[in-house]
């Protein structure tokens, strides 16, 4: 079972994403949530998520800073970036830093969230297979 950390400064957004995952993706578990990047980094010390779904613009520590810090801890984290704005500059930066997927909050559907999580799962599985092959 893959574990997910959801990071967003809007509690309603966290609840919405968690509900979709619980209903549509029962093979995944949201193990923690956070309202900003600094809180998310603390959760990373307590939990070992595989996928991090994060808003880009947040107080205290934004999603870009979170990606930078978390990638130093484990470059295999699968980052999904959410944005309420069509701020393609910030999203482009997120991809340069290691994000793998992006969703615009205003256009986000249940199917899109499921698809994004499944893509992250597939990438994570490929990484595990590569590790196993290298060890053999």
Protein backbone atom coordinates (compact mmCIF):
# COMPACT_ATOMS: atom_id res chain seq x y z
CA UNK A 1 0.00 0.00 0.00
CA UNK A 2 1.35 3.40 -0.97
CA UNK A 3 1.15 6.24 1.52
CA UNK A 4 0.20 9.82 0.65
CA UNK A 5 0.83 13.17 2.35
CA UNK A 6 -1.57 15.97 1.35
CA UNK A 7 -0.35 19.55 1.86
CA UNK A 8 -2.63 22.55 1.33
CA UNK A 9 -3.47 25.71 3.26
CA UNK A 10 -7.17 25.21 2.47
CA UNK A 11 -8.72 22.59 4.80
CA UNK A 12 -11.59 22.06 2.33
CA UNK A 13 -9.10 21.13 -0.40
CA UNK A 14 -7.38 18.62 1.90
CA UNK A 15 -10.72 17.09 2.84
CA UNK A 16 -11.83 16.88 -0.80
CA UNK A 17 -8.64 15.13 -1.93
CA UNK A 18 -8.65 12.76 1.05
CA UNK A 19 -12.28 11.80 0.38
CA UNK A 20 -11.58 11.05 -3.27
CA UNK A 21 -8.57 8.91 -2.39
CA UNK A 22 -10.51 7.02 0.29
CA UNK A 23 -13.41 6.26 -2.05
CA UNK A 24 -11.73 5.87 -5.45
CA UNK A 25 -8.28 4.60 -4.47
CA UNK A 26 -8.67 2.27 -1.48
CA UNK A 27 -5.26 0.74 -2.21
CA UNK A 28 -3.69 4.07 -1.14
CA UNK A 29 -3.69 5.60 2.31
CA UNK A 30 -3.48 9.25 3.26
CA UNK A 31 -1.20 8.90 6.27
CA UNK A 32 -0.85 12.61 7.04
CA UNK A 33 -1.92 16.10 6.08
CA UNK A 34 -0.31 19.50 6.57
CA UNK A 35 -1.32 23.13 6.04
CA UNK A 36 2.08 24.38 4.82
CA UNK A 37 5.48 23.11 3.77
CA UNK A 38 7.17 23.47 7.13
CA UNK A 39 4.49 21.34 8.78
CA UNK A 40 4.82 18.85 5.92
CA UNK A 41 8.55 18.48 6.56
CA UNK A 42 7.77 17.58 10.17
CA UNK A 43 5.30 14.96 8.91
CA UNK A 44 8.02 13.52 6.67
CA UNK A 45 10.07 12.85 9.80
CA UNK A 46 7.12 10.99 11.36
CA UNK A 47 5.71 9.28 8.28
CA UNK A 48 7.24 7.76 5.19
CA UNK A 49 4.91 8.77 2.37
CA UNK A 50 5.52 7.72 -1.20
CA UNK A 51 3.45 10.46 -2.81
CA UNK A 52 3.21 14.11 -1.74
CA UNK A 53 0.33 16.15 -3.07
CA UNK A 54 1.07 19.83 -2.44
CA UNK A 55 -0.35 23.22 -3.18
CA UNK A 56 2.15 25.64 -4.70
CA UNK A 57 1.20 28.84 -2.89
CA UNK A 58 1.00 28.48 0.89
CA UNK A 59 2.03 30.58 3.90
CA UNK A 60 5.10 29.81 6.03
CA UNK A 61 6.73 27.56 3.38
CA UNK A 62 5.40 27.22 -0.16
CA UNK A 63 5.28 24.10 -2.29
CA UNK A 64 8.49 24.93 -4.17
CA UNK A 65 10.49 25.18 -0.94
CA UNK A 66 8.87 21.96 0.25
CA UNK A 67 9.89 20.11 -2.90
CA UNK A 68 13.49 21.34 -2.58
CA UNK A 69 13.78 20.30 1.05
CA UNK A 70 11.99 16.97 0.65
CA UNK A 71 14.00 15.96 -2.42
CA UNK A 72 17.15 16.33 -0.32
CA UNK A 73 15.67 13.80 2.11
CA UNK A 74 14.53 11.33 -0.55
CA UNK A 75 14.75 11.97 -4.30
CA UNK A 76 12.21 9.20 -4.96
CA UNK A 77 9.25 11.11 -3.54
CA UNK A 78 6.51 11.46 -6.12
CA UNK A 79 5.30 15.07 -6.07
CA UNK A 80 1.93 16.19 -7.37
CA UNK A 81 1.59 19.97 -7.55
CA UNK A 82 -1.77 21.69 -7.17
CA UNK A 83 -2.50 25.30 -7.94
CA UNK A 84 -5.55 27.51 -7.71
CA UNK A 85 -3.97 29.76 -10.32
CA UNK A 86 -2.74 29.29 -13.85
CA UNK A 87 0.71 30.29 -12.63
CA UNK A 88 2.73 28.34 -15.15
CA UNK A 89 6.01 29.91 -14.04
CA UNK A 90 5.68 28.41 -10.54
CA UNK A 91 4.45 25.11 -11.92
CA UNK A 92 7.39 25.04 -14.35
CA UNK A 93 9.72 25.63 -11.41
CA UNK A 94 8.05 22.78 -9.53
CA UNK A 95 8.72 20.40 -12.42
CA UNK A 96 12.37 21.52 -12.58
CA UNK A 97 12.67 20.76 -8.87
CA UNK A 98 11.24 17.26 -9.20
CA UNK A 99 7.44 17.41 -9.37
CA UNK A 100 5.95 14.71 -11.60
CA UNK A 101 2.31 15.78 -11.99
CA UNK A 102 0.22 18.96 -11.94
CA UNK A 103 -3.46 19.76 -11.49
CA UNK A 104 -5.29 23.06 -11.61
CA UNK A 105 -7.63 23.06 -8.60
CA UNK A 106 -10.50 24.74 -10.42
CA UNK A 107 -10.49 22.06 -13.12
CA UNK A 108 -9.55 19.06 -10.99
CA UNK A 109 -11.87 16.06 -11.29
CA UNK A 110 -12.06 12.80 -9.38
CA UNK A 111 -10.87 10.96 -12.49
CA UNK A 112 -7.89 13.28 -12.84
CA UNK A 113 -6.85 12.73 -9.22
CA UNK A 114 -7.14 8.96 -9.64
CA UNK A 115 -5.16 9.10 -12.90
CA UNK A 116 -2.41 11.21 -11.33
CA UNK A 117 -2.09 8.90 -8.33
CA UNK A 118 -1.96 5.85 -10.58
CA UNK A 119 0.82 7.46 -12.64
CA UNK A 120 2.78 8.09 -9.44
CA UNK A 121 2.22 4.48 -8.41
CA UNK A 122 3.51 3.24 -11.77
CA UNK A 123 6.66 5.41 -11.51
CA UNK A 124 7.25 4.23 -7.95
CA UNK A 125 6.87 0.59 -9.06
CA UNK A 126 9.39 1.15 -11.88
CA UNK A 127 11.87 2.62 -9.40
CA UNK A 128 11.46 -0.41 -7.13
CA UNK A 129 11.99 -2.81 -10.03
CA UNK A 130 15.13 -0.94 -11.09
CA UNK A 131 16.49 -1.15 -7.54
CA UNK A 132 15.77 -4.88 -7.40
CA UNK A 133 17.52 -5.44 -10.74
CA UNK A 134 20.56 -3.44 -9.58
CA UNK A 135 20.76 -5.49 -6.40
CA UNK A 136 20.57 -8.78 -8.28
